[in-house]
Protein backbone atom coordinates (compact mmCIF):
# COMPACT_ATOMS: atom_id res chain seq x y z
CA MET A 1 57.17 34.23 -110.51
CA THR A 2 54.23 33.46 -112.94
CA SER A 3 56.36 31.59 -115.75
CA PHE A 4 59.84 30.73 -116.73
CA SER A 5 61.65 29.11 -119.58
CA LEU A 6 64.46 27.14 -119.66
CA PRO A 7 65.40 26.87 -123.55
CA ALA A 8 68.48 25.27 -123.37
CA LEU A 9 68.41 22.98 -120.71
CA THR A 10 68.55 19.24 -122.80
CA SER A 11 68.90 17.07 -119.98
CA VAL A 12 69.19 16.79 -115.96
CA GLY A 13 71.07 14.16 -114.18
CA LYS A 14 69.01 14.38 -110.85
CA TYR A 15 65.64 15.86 -110.60
CA LEU A 16 63.78 18.84 -112.15
CA ALA A 17 61.26 19.91 -109.24
CA VAL A 18 58.67 22.70 -109.77
CA LEU A 19 57.03 22.52 -106.14
CA TYR A 20 54.82 24.71 -104.05
CA ASN A 21 54.39 28.31 -106.94
CA ASP A 22 51.54 29.77 -105.74
CA ALA A 23 51.53 32.30 -108.79
CA LEU A 24 53.12 30.44 -111.27
CA THR A 25 51.00 29.58 -114.29
CA SER A 26 53.15 28.01 -117.20
CA PHE A 27 56.87 26.77 -117.47
CA GLU A 28 58.68 25.74 -120.64
CA VAL A 29 61.79 23.73 -121.27
CA PRO A 30 61.31 22.82 -124.97
CA ALA A 31 64.85 20.94 -125.31
CA LEU A 32 64.98 18.78 -122.44
CA THR A 33 64.78 15.15 -123.50
CA SER A 34 66.10 13.17 -120.35
CA VAL A 35 65.62 13.65 -116.67
CA ALA A 36 66.11 11.55 -113.83
CA SER A 37 62.95 12.41 -111.75
CA LEU A 38 60.16 15.09 -112.72
CA LEU A 39 58.40 16.45 -109.84
CA VAL A 40 55.54 19.03 -110.31
CA TYR A 41 53.08 19.46 -107.69
CA HIS A 42 51.47 22.17 -105.74
CA ASN A 43 51.59 24.76 -108.12
CA ASP A 44 47.64 26.02 -107.57
CA ALA A 45 47.89 28.50 -110.46
CA LEU A 46 49.62 26.24 -113.34
CA THR A 47 47.49 25.63 -116.47
CA SER A 48 50.08 24.55 -118.98
CA PHE A 49 53.48 23.26 -119.42
CA GLU A 50 55.69 22.54 -122.60
CA VAL A 51 58.31 19.58 -122.38
CA PRO A 52 57.80 18.60 -126.16
CA ALA A 53 61.05 16.66 -126.69
CA LEU A 54 61.06 14.94 -123.08
CA THR A 55 61.15 10.89 -123.99
CA SER A 56 62.76 9.73 -120.66
CA VAL A 57 62.72 9.83 -117.13
CA GLY A 58 64.91 7.77 -115.54
CA SER A 59 63.00 7.25 -111.95
CA HIS A 60 60.33 9.33 -110.69
CA LEU A 61 57.43 11.03 -112.76
CA ARG A 62 55.32 12.75 -110.21
CA VAL A 63 52.57 15.37 -111.17
CA TYR A 64 49.98 15.91 -108.44
CA GLY A 65 48.26 18.72 -106.58
CA ASN A 66 47.96 21.14 -109.30
CA THR A 67 44.40 21.97 -109.01
CA ALA A 68 44.09 24.47 -112.15
CA LEU A 69 46.21 21.98 -114.68
CA ALA A 70 44.09 19.86 -116.88
CA GLN A 71 44.98 16.12 -116.31
CA CYS A 72 44.37 15.74 -119.96
CA LEU A 73 47.67 17.67 -120.42
CA VAL A 74 49.49 15.53 -117.93
CA ASP A 75 48.18 12.03 -119.63
CA ALA A 76 49.27 13.35 -122.93
CA LEU A 77 52.86 13.99 -121.15
CA VAL A 78 52.79 10.29 -119.99
CA GLU A 79 51.86 8.89 -123.37
CA GLN A 80 54.73 10.94 -124.94
CA ILE A 81 57.33 9.50 -122.40
CA GLU A 82 56.20 6.12 -122.50
CA ALA A 83 56.36 6.03 -126.58
CA GLY A 84 60.04 7.04 -125.90
CA GLU A 85 62.60 5.61 -123.52
CA GLY A 86 59.68 5.59 -121.01
CA ILE A 87 59.29 5.79 -117.20
CA GLY A 88 62.16 3.89 -115.13
CA ASP A 89 60.30 3.75 -112.15
CA GLU A 90 57.27 5.56 -109.98
CA ILE A 91 54.24 7.20 -111.68
CA ILE A 92 52.14 9.30 -109.50
CA ILE A 93 49.43 11.33 -111.11
CA SER A 94 46.64 12.84 -108.98
CA ASP A 95 44.60 15.62 -107.74
CA ASN A 96 45.13 17.59 -111.03
CA ASN A 97 42.29 19.36 -112.52
CA THR A 98 39.89 16.69 -114.72
CA ASN A 99 36.76 18.80 -115.65
CA CYS A 100 38.71 19.78 -118.75
CA THR A 101 39.40 18.41 -122.37
CA CYS A 102 42.37 18.63 -124.85
CA SER A 103 42.37 19.32 -128.15
CA GLU A 104 45.28 19.82 -130.63
CA VAL A 105 45.23 23.21 -132.10
CA GLY A 106 48.08 24.15 -134.99
CA GLY A 107 50.07 21.43 -133.45
CA VAL A 108 49.83 21.91 -129.74
CA LEU A 109 47.73 20.39 -127.13
CA GLU A 110 45.75 22.84 -125.59
CA ALA A 111 43.27 22.41 -122.70
CA THR A 112 40.16 24.02 -122.30
CA CYS A 113 38.26 24.24 -118.68
CA PRO A 114 35.35 25.39 -117.56
């Protein structure tokens, strides 16, 4: 699987886990507003994700070990959630691609990586 979309999903009572997908390059969950835990790790080809409505993570936010994913996209996600209802407990963010820059293009944050 190289991408997936869950356009109707608005909340998850437990956790949304995107783990160990070597071919996954992108995913989108555009209507998701709240999740108990969001786990995104060890997806070697992941370069983008879209969760523009997410404002609440009840417990854990873990985004790490995604070597192609721009750290600036992850940082923007954290800021987005914290500007809403926030993150209830643990935040683990590490080992993503720190060699990228992000800029807004047409209202969407895009990463440019070497």
